[in-house]
Amino acid sequence: MTLEDLKIRCEENDILYSYGAFQEEVKPPHLVATEPKTNNFMADNRVYKRISTIKLDLTMNYLDLDLVKKVEEKILYDVCWNKTEETYLSNEKVWEVSYFFEI
């Protein structure tokens, strides 16, 4: 999967998506992807294979288990991912689940 594939899958499944941040305020639910680190294959001062670790945050107004399942089965169906527990962010009054995977 690529970041472009991720964007297309979100559009096909009617889930708001952005890389980094939305340009304007968007109400949940939505997905935001970031690249907190890379794990590139390097040798001889060259990068031979770029491997990006992606963090994909799902933000929801309420804990929507159907939406969580949709993200896992329709968006991330062909990647190996790990996720955090559902976390309530009391200062923003939203729930968040983070997925981590490599592309």
PDB file of N, CA and C in Angstrom:
ATOM      1  N   MET A   1       0.832  -1.174   0.000  1.00  0.00           N
ATOM      2  CA  MET A   1       0.000   0.000   0.000  1.00  0.00           C
ATOM      3  C   MET A   1       0.884   1.248   0.000  1.00  0.00           C
ATOM      4  N   THR A   2       0.379   2.314  -0.596  1.00  0.00           N
ATOM      5  CA  THR A   2       1.043   3.608  -0.589  1.00  0.00           C
ATOM      6  C   THR A   2       0.130   4.618   0.107  1.00  0.00           C
ATOM      7  N   LEU A   3       0.651   5.808   0.355  1.00  0.00           N
ATOM      8  CA  LEU A   3      -0.185   6.855   0.939  1.00  0.00           C
ATOM      9  C   LEU A   3      -1.317   7.241  -0.013  1.00  0.00           C
ATOM     10  N   GLU A   4      -1.055   7.193  -1.306  1.00  0.00           N
ATOM     11  CA  GLU A   4      -2.109   7.485  -2.290  1.00  0.00           C
ATOM     12  C   GLU A   4      -3.198   6.410  -2.235  1.00  0.00           C
ATOM     13  N   ASP A   5      -2.801   5.137  -2.090  1.00  0.00           N
ATOM     14  CA  ASP A   5      -3.785   4.055  -1.936  1.00  0.00           C
ATOM     15  C   ASP A   5      -4.635   4.284  -0.694  1.00  0.00           C
ATOM     16  N   LEU A   6      -4.003   4.702   0.386  1.00  0.00           N
ATOM     17  CA  LEU A   6      -4.710   4.972   1.632  1.00  0.00           C
ATOM     18  C   LEU A   6      -5.757   6.059   1.419  1.00  0.00           C
ATOM     19  N   LYS A   7      -5.375   7.119   0.736  1.00  0.00           N
ATOM     20  CA  LYS A   7      -6.301   8.216   0.437  1.00  0.00           C
ATOM     21  C   LYS A   7      -7.481   7.721  -0.395  1.00  0.00           C
ATOM     22  N   ILE A   8      -7.210   6.951  -1.419  1.00  0.00           N
ATOM     23  CA  ILE A   8      -8.262   6.429  -2.299  1.00  0.00           C
ATOM     24  C   ILE A   8      -9.213   5.517  -1.525  1.00  0.00           C
ATOM     25  N   ARG A   9      -8.664   4.640  -0.693  1.00  0.00           N
ATOM     26  CA  ARG A   9      -9.511   3.723   0.089  1.00  0.00           C
ATOM     27  C   ARG A   9     -10.418   4.495   1.044  1.00  0.00           C
ATOM     28  N   CYS A  10      -9.893   5.542   1.648  1.00  0.00           N
ATOM     29  CA  CYS A  10     -10.713   6.355   2.546  1.00  0.00           C
ATOM     30  C   CYS A  10     -11.841   7.031   1.771  1.00  0.00           C
ATOM     31  N   GLU A  11     -11.522   7.572   0.606  1.00  0.00           N
ATOM     32  CA  GLU A  11     -12.550   8.207  -0.230  1.00  0.00           C
ATOM     33  C   GLU A  11     -13.617   7.198  -0.639  1.00  0.00           C
ATOM     34  N   GLU A  12     -13.196   6.006  -1.041  1.00  0.00           N
ATOM     35  CA  GLU A  12     -14.149   4.966  -1.467  1.00  0.00           C
ATOM     36  C   GLU A  12     -15.062   4.522  -0.330  1.00  0.00           C
ATOM     37  N   ASN A  13     -14.599   4.647   0.901  1.00  0.00           N
ATOM     38  CA  ASN A  13     -15.373   4.216   2.064  1.00  0.00           C
ATOM     39  C   ASN A  13     -15.987   5.390   2.834  1.00  0.00           C
ATOM     40  N   ASP A  14     -15.991   6.567   2.207  1.00  0.00           N
ATOM     41  CA  ASP A  14     -16.603   7.764   2.787  1.00  0.00           C
ATOM     42  C   ASP A  14     -16.080   8.112   4.175  1.00  0.00           C
ATOM     43  N   ILE A  15     -14.756   8.026   4.334  1.00  0.00           N
ATOM     44  CA  ILE A  15     -14.109   8.409   5.582  1.00  0.00           C
ATOM     45  C   ILE A  15     -13.200   9.596   5.277  1.00  0.00           C
ATOM     46  N   LEU A  16     -13.389  10.698   5.991  1.00  0.00           N
ATOM     47  CA  LEU A  16     -12.535  11.866   5.799  1.00  0.00           C
ATOM     48  C   LEU A  16     -11.100  11.498   6.138  1.00  0.00           C
ATOM     49  N   TYR A  17     -10.149  11.960   5.293  1.00  0.00           N
ATOM     50  CA  TYR A  17      -8.741  11.593   5.464  1.00  0.00           C
ATOM     51  C   TYR A  17      -7.859  12.780   5.117  1.00  0.00           C
ATOM     52  N   SER A  18      -6.749  12.882   5.840  1.00  0.00           N
ATOM     53  CA  SER A  18      -5.724  13.862   5.514  1.00  0.00           C
ATOM     54  C   SER A  18      -4.364  13.313   5.925  1.00  0.00           C
ATOM     55  N   TYR A  19      -3.336  13.766   5.221  1.00  0.00           N
ATOM     56  CA  TYR A  19      -1.973  13.472   5.644  1.00  0.00           C
ATOM     57  C   TYR A  19      -1.480  14.689   6.424  1.00  0.00           C
ATOM     58  N   GLY A  20      -1.027  14.486   7.630  1.00  0.00           N
ATOM     59  CA  GLY A  20      -0.492  15.558   8.463  1.00  0.00           C
ATOM     60  C   GLY A  20      -1.559  16.276   9.254  1.00  0.00           C
ATOM     61  N   ALA A  21      -2.399  17.025   8.576  1.00  0.00           N
ATOM     62  CA  ALA A  21      -3.475  17.770   9.243  1.00  0.00           C
ATOM     63  C   ALA A  21      -4.449  18.272   8.188  1.00  0.00           C
ATOM     64  N   PHE A  22      -5.660  18.520   8.601  1.00  0.00           N
ATOM     65  CA  PHE A  22      -6.637  19.118   7.706  1.00  0.00           C
ATOM     66  C   PHE A  22      -6.346  20.612   7.593  1.00  0.00           C
ATOM     67  N   GLN A  23      -6.624  21.199   6.449  1.00  0.00           N
ATOM     68  CA  GLN A  23      -6.403  22.622   6.239  1.00  0.00           C
ATOM     69  C   GLN A  23      -7.381  23.483   7.032  1.00  0.00           C
ATOM     70  N   GLU A  24      -8.566  22.943   7.286  1.00  0.00           N
ATOM     71  CA  GLU A  24      -9.568  23.644   8.072  1.00  0.00           C
ATOM     72  C   GLU A  24     -10.130  22.675   9.098  1.00  0.00           C
ATOM     73  N   GLU A  25     -10.863  23.185  10.063  1.00  0.00           N
ATOM     74  CA  GLU A  25     -11.409  22.340  11.117  1.00  0.00           C
ATOM     75  C   GLU A  25     -12.426  21.354  10.547  1.00  0.00           C
ATOM     76  N   VAL A  26     -12.262  20.089  10.915  1.00  0.00           N
ATOM     77  CA  VAL A  26     -13.131  19.010  10.447  1.00  0.00           C
ATOM     78  C   VAL A  26     -13.659  18.268  11.660  1.00  0.00           C
ATOM     79  N   LYS A  27     -14.935  18.030  11.673  1.00  0.00           N
ATOM     80  CA  LYS A  27     -15.535  17.289  12.790  1.00  0.00           C
ATOM     81  C   LYS A  27     -15.299  15.793  12.593  1.00  0.00           C
ATOM     82  N   PRO A  28     -15.085  15.058  13.687  1.00  0.00           N
ATOM     83  CA  PRO A  28     -14.927  13.601  13.605  1.00  0.00           C
ATOM     84  C   PRO A  28     -16.212  12.946  13.107  1.00  0.00           C
ATOM     85  N   PRO A  29     -16.126  11.763  12.554  1.00  0.00           N
ATOM     86  CA  PRO A  29     -14.950  10.885  12.490  1.00  0.00           C
ATOM     87  C   PRO A  29     -14.050  11.223  11.300  1.00  0.00           C
ATOM     88  N   HIS A  30     -12.775  10.969  11.488  1.00  0.00           N
ATOM     89  CA  HIS A  30     -11.819  11.158  10.400  1.00  0.00           C
ATOM     90  C   HIS A  30     -10.523  10.410  10.715  1.00  0.00           C
ATOM     91  N   LEU A  31      -9.707  10.264   9.672  1.00  0.00           N
ATOM     92  CA  LEU A  31      -8.398   9.628   9.779  1.00  0.00           C
ATOM     93  C   LEU A  31      -7.321  10.644   9.415  1.00  0.00           C
ATOM     94  N   VAL A  32      -6.219  10.631  10.168  1.00  0.00           N
ATOM     95  CA  VAL A  32      -5.067  11.478   9.859  1.00  0.00           C
ATOM     96  C   VAL A  32      -3.818  10.603   9.898  1.00  0.00           C
ATOM     97  N   ALA A  33      -3.045  10.639   8.813  1.00  0.00           N
ATOM     98  CA  ALA A  33      -1.806   9.860   8.729  1.00  0.00           C
ATOM     99  C   ALA A  33      -0.604  10.775   8.917  1.00  0.00           C
ATOM    100  N   THR A  34       0.415  10.257   9.595  1.00  0.00           N
ATOM    101  CA  THR A  34       1.709  10.932   9.720  1.00  0.00           C
ATOM    102  C   THR A  34       2.807   9.881   9.578  1.00  0.00           C
ATOM    103  N   GLU A  35       4.015  10.350   9.331  1.00  0.00           N
ATOM    104  CA  GLU A  35       5.176   9.464   9.202  1.00  0.00           C
ATOM    105  C   GLU A  35       6.173   9.820  10.297  1.00  0.00           C
ATOM    106  N   PRO A  36       6.011   9.219  11.497  1.00  0.00           N
ATOM    107  CA  PRO A  36       6.891   9.592  12.611  1.00  0.00           C
ATOM    108  C   PRO A  36       8.331   9.109  12.469  1.00  0.00           C
ATOM    109  N   LYS A  37       8.563   8.076  11.657  1.00  0.00           N
ATOM    110  CA  LYS A  37       9.943   7.603  11.485  1.00  0.00           C
ATOM    111  C   LYS A  37      10.051   6.750  10.231  1.00  0.00           C
ATOM    112  N   THR A  38      11.297   6.484   9.840  1.00  0.00           N
ATOM    113  CA  THR A  38      11.570   5.569   8.732  1.00  0.00           C
ATOM    114  C   THR A  38      12.480   4.462   9.239  1.00  0.00           C
ATOM    115  N   ASN A  39      12.479   3.378   8.521  1.00  0.00           N
ATOM    116  CA  ASN A  39      13.330   2.242   8.844  1.00  0.00           C
ATOM    117  C   ASN A  39      13.943   1.757   7.531  1.00  0.00           C
ATOM    118  N   ASN A  40      14.645   2.657   6.860  1.00  0.00           N
ATOM    119  CA  ASN A  40      15.149   2.391   5.523  1.00  0.00           C
ATOM    120  C   ASN A  40      16.246   1.328   5.509  1.00  0.00           C
ATOM    121  N   PHE A  41      16.322   0.605   4.381  1.00  0.00           N
ATOM    122  CA  PHE A  41      17.430  -0.314   4.146  1.00  0.00           C
ATOM    123  C   PHE A  41      18.528   0.479   3.458  1.00  0.00           C
ATOM    124  N   MET A  42      19.701   0.576   4.128  1.00  0.00           N
ATOM    125  CA  MET A  42      20.795   1.393   3.619  1.00  0.00           C
ATOM    126  C   MET A  42      22.092   0.589   3.577  1.00  0.00           C
ATOM    127  N   ALA A  43      22.902   0.951   2.605  1.00  0.00           N
ATOM    128  CA  ALA A  43      24.259   0.405   2.504  1.00  0.00           C
ATOM    129  C   ALA A  43      25.068   1.328   1.607  1.00  0.00           C
ATOM    130  N   ASP A  44      26.360   1.414   1.856  1.00  0.00           N
ATOM    131  CA  ASP A  44      27.254   2.236   1.040  1.00  0.00           C
ATOM    132  C   ASP A  44      26.750   3.668   0.889  1.00  0.00           C
ATOM    133  N   ASN A  45      26.257   4.214   1.986  1.00  0.00           N
ATOM    134  CA  ASN A  45      25.758   5.595   2.013  1.00  0.00           C
ATOM    135  C   ASN A  45      24.619   5.850   1.015  1.00  0.00           C
ATOM    136  N   ARG A  46      23.823   4.820   0.765  1.00  0.00           N
ATOM    137  CA  ARG A  46      22.661   4.938  -0.125  1.00  0.00           C
ATOM    138  C   ARG A  46      21.449   4.287   0.518  1.00  0.00           C
ATOM    139  N   VAL A  47      20.304   4.815   0.236  1.00  0.00           N
ATOM    140  CA  VAL A  47      19.059   4.183   0.644  1.00  0.00           C
ATOM    141  C   VAL A  47      18.604   3.306  -0.517  1.00  0.00           C
ATOM    142  N   TYR A  48      18.574   2.001  -0.277  1.00  0.00           N
ATOM    143  CA  TYR A  48      18.165   1.069  -1.322  1.00  0.00           C
ATOM    144  C   TYR A  48      16.667   0.791  -1.290  1.00  0.00           C
ATOM    145  N   LYS A  49      16.098   0.831  -0.111  1.00  0.00           N
ATOM    146  CA  LYS A  49      14.654   0.629   0.019  1.00  0.00           C
ATOM    147  C   LYS A  49      14.138   1.540   1.108  1.00  0.00           C
ATOM    148  N   ARG A  50      13.177   2.391   0.736  1.00  0.00           N
ATOM    149  CA  ARG A  50      12.574   3.327   1.695  1.00  0.00           C
ATOM    150  C   ARG A  50      11.418   2.618   2.390  1.00  0.00           C
ATOM    151  N   ILE A  51      11.476   2.561   3.715  1.00  0.00           N
ATOM    152  CA  ILE A  51      10.424   1.936   4.514  1.00  0.00           C
ATOM    153  C   ILE A  51       9.929   2.977   5.514  1.00  0.00           C
ATOM    154  N   SER A  52       8.691   3.381   5.337  1.00  0.00           N
ATOM    155  CA  SER A  52       8.108   4.405   6.202  1.00  0.00           C
ATOM    156  C   SER A  52       7.196   3.766   7.226  1.00  0.00           C
ATOM    157  N   THR A  53       7.328   4.183   8.473  1.00  0.00           N
ATOM    158  CA  THR A  53       6.377   3.798   9.508  1.00  0.00           C
ATOM    159  C   THR A  53       5.285   4.854   9.520  1.00  0.00           C
ATOM    160  N   ILE A  54       4.055   4.411   9.344  1.00  0.00           N
ATOM    161  CA  ILE A  54       2.916   5.313   9.284  1.00  0.00           C
ATOM    162  C   ILE A  54       2.098   5.170  10.561  1.00  0.00           C
ATOM    163  N   LYS A  55       1.699   6.306  11.103  1.00  0.00           N
ATOM    164  CA  LYS A  55       0.767   6.350  12.226  1.00  0.00           C
ATOM    165  C   LYS A  55      -0.540   6.892  11.661  1.00  0.00           C
ATOM    166  N   LEU A  56      -1.601   6.119  11.799  1.00  0.00           N
ATOM    167  CA  LEU A  56      -2.913   6.503  11.286  1.00  0.00           C
ATOM    168  C   LEU A  56      -3.850   6.639  12.469  1.00  0.00           C
ATOM    169  N   ASP A  57      -4.280   7.876  12.744  1.00  0.00           N
ATOM    170  CA  ASP A  57      -5.152   8.156  13.886  1.00  0.00           C
ATOM    171  C   ASP A  57      -6.602   8.232  13.440  1.00  0.00           C
ATOM    172  N   LEU A  58      -7.429   7.408  14.054  1.00  0.00           N
ATOM    173  CA  LEU A  58      -8.870   7.445  13.845  1.00  0.00           C
ATOM    174  C   LEU A  58      -9.484   8.208  15.007  1.00  0.00           C
ATOM    175  N   THR A  59     -10.140   9.317  14.713  1.00  0.00           N
ATOM    176  CA  THR A  59     -10.760  10.152  15.733  1.00  0.00           C
ATOM    177  C   THR A  59     -12.271  10.087  15.576  1.00  0.00           C
ATOM    178  N   MET A  60     -12.984   9.867  16.707  1.00  0.00           N
ATOM    179  CA  MET A  60     -14.440   9.687  16.685  1.00  0.00           C
ATOM    180  C   MET A  60     -15.077  10.472  17.830  1.00  0.00           C
ATOM    181  N   ASN A  61     -16.310  10.927  17.626  1.00  0.00           N
ATOM    182  CA  ASN A  61     -17.060  11.602  18.695  1.00  0.00           C
ATOM    183  C   ASN A  61     -17.480  10.619  19.778  1.00  0.00           C
ATOM    184  N   TYR A  62     -17.772   9.408  19.371  1.00  0.00           N
ATOM    185  CA  TYR A  62     -18.148   8.343  20.300  1.00  0.00           C
ATOM    186  C   TYR A  62     -17.465   7.079  19.825  1.00  0.00           C
ATOM    187  N   LEU A  63     -17.332   6.117  20.697  1.00  0.00           N
ATOM    188  CA  LEU A  63     -16.632   4.883  20.360  1.00  0.00           C
ATOM    189  C   LEU A  63     -17.487   4.062  19.403  1.00  0.00           C
ATOM    190  N   ASP A  64     -17.181   4.148  18.120  1.00  0.00           N
ATOM    191  CA  ASP A  64     -17.943   3.508  17.052  1.00  0.00           C
ATOM    192  C   ASP A  64     -17.206   2.242  16.608  1.00  0.00           C
ATOM    193  N   LEU A  65     -17.575   1.116  17.175  1.00  0.00           N
ATOM    194  CA  LEU A  65     -16.881  -0.144  16.867  1.00  0.00           C
ATOM    195  C   LEU A  65     -17.091  -0.588  15.427  1.00  0.00           C
ATOM    196  N   ASP A  66     -18.220  -0.206  14.826  1.00  0.00           N
ATOM    197  CA  ASP A  66     -18.435  -0.521  13.413  1.00  0.00           C
ATOM    198  C   ASP A  66     -17.447   0.237  12.532  1.00  0.00           C
ATOM    199  N   LEU A  67     -17.174   1.481  12.863  1.00  0.00           N
ATOM    200  CA  LEU A  67     -16.200   2.263  12.107  1.00  0.00           C
ATOM    201  C   LEU A  67     -14.796   1.702  12.289  1.00  0.00           C
ATOM    202  N   VAL A  68     -14.457   1.302  13.510  1.00  0.00           N
ATOM    203  CA  VAL A  68     -13.148   0.678  13.767  1.00  0.00           C
ATOM    204  C   VAL A  68     -13.005  -0.566  12.900  1.00  0.00           C
ATOM    205  N   LYS A  69     -14.032  -1.393  12.865  1.00  0.00           N
ATOM    206  CA  LYS A  69     -14.013  -2.609  12.048  1.00  0.00           C
ATOM    207  C   LYS A  69     -13.887  -2.267  10.567  1.00  0.00           C
ATOM    208  N   LYS A  70     -14.581  -1.226  10.118  1.00  0.00           N
ATOM    209  CA  LYS A  70     -14.516  -0.801   8.716  1.00  0.00           C
ATOM    210  C   LYS A  70     -13.097  -0.383   8.342  1.00  0.00           C
ATOM    211  N   VAL A  71     -12.449   0.384   9.214  1.00  0.00           N
ATOM    212  CA  VAL A  71     -11.064   0.803   8.952  1.00  0.00           C
ATOM    213  C   VAL A  71     -10.158  -0.415   8.853  1.00  0.00           C
ATOM    214  N   GLU A  72     -10.320  -1.345   9.776  1.00  0.00           N
ATOM    215  CA  GLU A  72      -9.447  -2.523   9.797  1.00  0.00           C
ATOM    216  C   GLU A  72      -9.703  -3.465   8.625  1.00  0.00           C
ATOM    217  N   GLU A  73     -10.944  -3.625   8.226  1.00  0.00           N
ATOM    218  CA  GLU A  73     -11.281  -4.604   7.184  1.00  0.00           C
ATOM    219  C   GLU A  73     -11.335  -4.033   5.775  1.00  0.00           C
ATOM    220  N   LYS A  74     -11.572  -2.734   5.625  1.00  0.00           N
ATOM    221  CA  LYS A  74     -11.714  -2.159   4.286  1.00  0.00           C
ATOM    222  C   LYS A  74     -10.585  -1.209   3.909  1.00  0.00           C
ATOM    223  N   ILE A  75      -9.920  -0.625   4.890  1.00  0.00           N
ATOM    224  CA  ILE A  75      -8.822   0.303   4.611  1.00  0.00           C
ATOM    225  C   ILE A  75      -7.470  -0.387   4.787  1.00  0.00           C
ATOM    226  N   LEU A  76      -7.308  -1.097   5.895  1.00  0.00           N
ATOM    227  CA  LEU A  76      -6.014  -1.709   6.232  1.00  0.00           C
ATOM    228  C   LEU A  76      -5.991  -3.217   6.007  1.00  0.00           C
ATOM    229  N   TYR A  77      -6.819  -3.704   5.121  1.00  0.00           N
ATOM    230  CA  TYR A  77      -6.980  -5.153   4.947  1.00  0.00           C
ATOM    231  C   TYR A  77      -5.723  -5.873   4.459  1.00  0.00           C
ATOM    232  N   ASP A  78      -4.811  -5.186   3.792  1.00  0.00           N
ATOM    233  CA  ASP A  78      -3.645  -5.881   3.237  1.00  0.00           C
ATOM    234  C   ASP A  78      -2.313  -5.430   3.838  1.00  0.00           C
ATOM    235  N   VAL A  79      -2.370  -4.791   5.010  1.00  0.00           N
ATOM    236  CA  VAL A  79      -1.134  -4.416   5.698  1.00  0.00           C
ATOM    237  C   VAL A  79      -1.109  -5.041   7.087  1.00  0.00           C
ATOM    238  N   CYS A  80       0.081  -5.260   7.597  1.00  0.00           N
ATOM    239  CA  CYS A  80       0.232  -5.758   8.961  1.00  0.00           C
ATOM    240  C   CYS A  80       0.294  -4.543   9.877  1.00  0.00           C
ATOM    241  N   TRP A  81      -0.659  -4.431  10.772  1.00  0.00           N
ATOM    242  CA  TRP A  81      -0.744  -3.244  11.620  1.00  0.00           C
ATOM    243  C   TRP A  81      -0.844  -3.637  13.082  1.00  0.00           C
ATOM    244  N   ASN A  82      -0.477  -2.689  13.918  1.00  0.00           N
ATOM    245  CA  ASN A  82      -0.696  -2.757  15.359  1.00  0.00           C
ATOM    246  C   ASN A  82      -1.536  -1.547  15.706  1.00  0.00           C
ATOM    247  N   LYS A  83      -2.294  -1.647  16.799  1.00  0.00           N
ATOM    248  CA  LYS A  83      -3.091  -0.484  17.192  1.00  0.00           C
ATOM    249  C   LYS A  83      -3.027  -0.277  18.691  1.00  0.00           C
ATOM    250  N   THR A  84      -3.337   0.951  19.083  1.00  0.00           N
ATOM    251  CA  THR A  84      -3.400   1.294  20.495  1.00  0.00           C
ATOM    252  C   THR A  84      -4.811   1.009  20.999  1.00  0.00           C
ATOM    253  N   GLU A  85      -4.946   1.049  22.304  1.00  0.00           N
ATOM    254  CA  GLU A  85      -6.281   0.933  22.891  1.00  0.00           C
ATOM    255  C   GLU A  85      -7.090   2.164  22.512  1.00  0.00           C
ATOM    256  N   GLU A  86      -8.411   2.020  22.584  1.00  0.00           N
ATOM    257  CA  GLU A  86      -9.263   3.182  22.391  1.00  0.00           C
ATOM    258  C   GLU A  86      -9.006   4.143  23.545  1.00  0.00           C
ATOM    259  N   THR A  87      -8.709   5.384  23.228  1.00  0.00           N
ATOM    260  CA  THR A  87      -8.362   6.373  24.243  1.00  0.00           C
ATOM    261  C   THR A  87      -9.338   7.543  24.165  1.00  0.00           C
ATOM    262  N   TYR A  88      -9.846   7.943  25.326  1.00  0.00           N
ATOM    263  CA  TYR A  88     -10.718   9.111  25.365  1.00  0.00           C
ATOM    264  C   TYR A  88      -9.867  10.334  25.671  1.00  0.00           C
ATOM    265  N   LEU A  89      -9.893  11.328  24.786  1.00  0.00           N
ATOM    266  CA  LEU A  89      -9.153  12.570  24.984  1.00  0.00           C
ATOM    267  C   LEU A  89     -10.127  13.586  25.572  1.00  0.00           C
ATOM    268  N   SER A  90     -10.126  13.698  26.887  1.00  0.00           N
ATOM    269  CA  SER A  90     -11.143  14.493  27.583  1.00  0.00           C
ATOM    270  C   SER A  90     -11.083  15.980  27.225  1.00  0.00           C
ATOM    271  N   ASN A  91      -9.900  16.518  26.956  1.00  0.00           N
ATOM    272  CA  ASN A  91      -9.814  17.945  26.620  1.00  0.00           C
ATOM    273  C   ASN A  91     -10.433  18.252  25.254  1.00  0.00           C
ATOM    274  N   GLU A  92     -10.472  17.239  24.357  1.00  0.00           N
ATOM    275  CA  GLU A  92     -11.085  17.421  23.033  1.00  0.00           C
ATOM    276  C   GLU A  92     -12.453  16.739  22.937  1.00  0.00           C
ATOM    277  N   LYS A  93     -12.773  15.932  23.949  1.00  0.00           N
ATOM    278  CA  LYS A  93     -14.044  15.196  24.003  1.00  0.00           C
ATOM    279  C   LYS A  93     -14.242  14.294  22.785  1.00  0.00           C
ATOM    280  N   VAL A  94     -13.186  13.550  22.452  1.00  0.00           N
ATOM    281  CA  VAL A  94     -13.225  12.591  21.348  1.00  0.00           C
ATOM    282  C   VAL A  94     -12.512  11.307  21.752  1.00  0.00           C
ATOM    283  N   TRP A  95     -12.796  10.260  21.015  1.00  0.00           N
ATOM    284  CA  TRP A  95     -12.103   8.977  21.151  1.00  0.00           C
ATOM    285  C   TRP A  95     -11.070   8.881  20.040  1.00  0.00           C
ATOM    286  N   GLU A  96      -9.951   8.207  20.330  1.00  0.00           N
ATOM    287  CA  GLU A  96      -8.919   8.036  19.317  1.00  0.00           C
ATOM    288  C   GLU A  96      -8.342   6.628  19.381  1.00  0.00           C
ATOM    289  N   VAL A  97      -8.109   6.076  18.207  1.00  0.00           N
ATOM    290  CA  VAL A  97      -7.417   4.799  18.047  1.00  0.00           C
ATOM    291  C   VAL A  97      -6.294   5.051  17.044  1.00  0.00           C
ATOM    292  N   SER A  98      -5.081   4.618  17.360  1.00  0.00           N
ATOM    293  CA  SER A  98      -3.944   4.796  16.453  1.00  0.00           C
ATOM    294  C   SER A  98      -3.494   3.460  15.907  1.00  0.00           C
ATOM    295  N   TYR A  99      -3.262   3.429  14.608  1.00  0.00           N
ATOM    296  CA  TYR A  99      -2.754   2.246  13.909  1.00  0.00           C
ATOM    297  C   TYR A  99      -1.322   2.542  13.444  1.00  0.00           C
ATOM    298  N   PHE A 100      -0.459   1.550  13.531  1.00  0.00           N
ATOM    299  CA  PHE A 100       0.921   1.681  13.116  1.00  0.00           C
ATOM    300  C   PHE A 100       1.244   0.590  12.102  1.00  0.00           C
ATOM    301  N   PHE A 101       1.827   0.960  10.970  1.00  0.00           N
ATOM    302  CA  PHE A 101       2.189  -0.007   9.939  1.00  0.00           C
ATOM    303  C   PHE A 101       3.288   0.567   9.064  1.00  0.00           C
ATOM    304  N   GLU A 102       3.926  -0.275   8.276  1.00  0.00           N
ATOM    305  CA  GLU A 102       4.994   0.151   7.394  1.00  0.00           C
ATOM    306  C   GLU A 102       4.552   0.082   5.940  1.00  0.00           C
ATOM    307  N   ILE A 103       5.052   1.057   5.166  1.00  0.00           N
ATOM    308  CA  ILE A 103       4.830   1.011   3.713  1.00  0.00           C
ATOM    309  C   ILE A 103       6.137   1.278   3.011  1.00  0.00           C
TER     310      ILE A 103
END
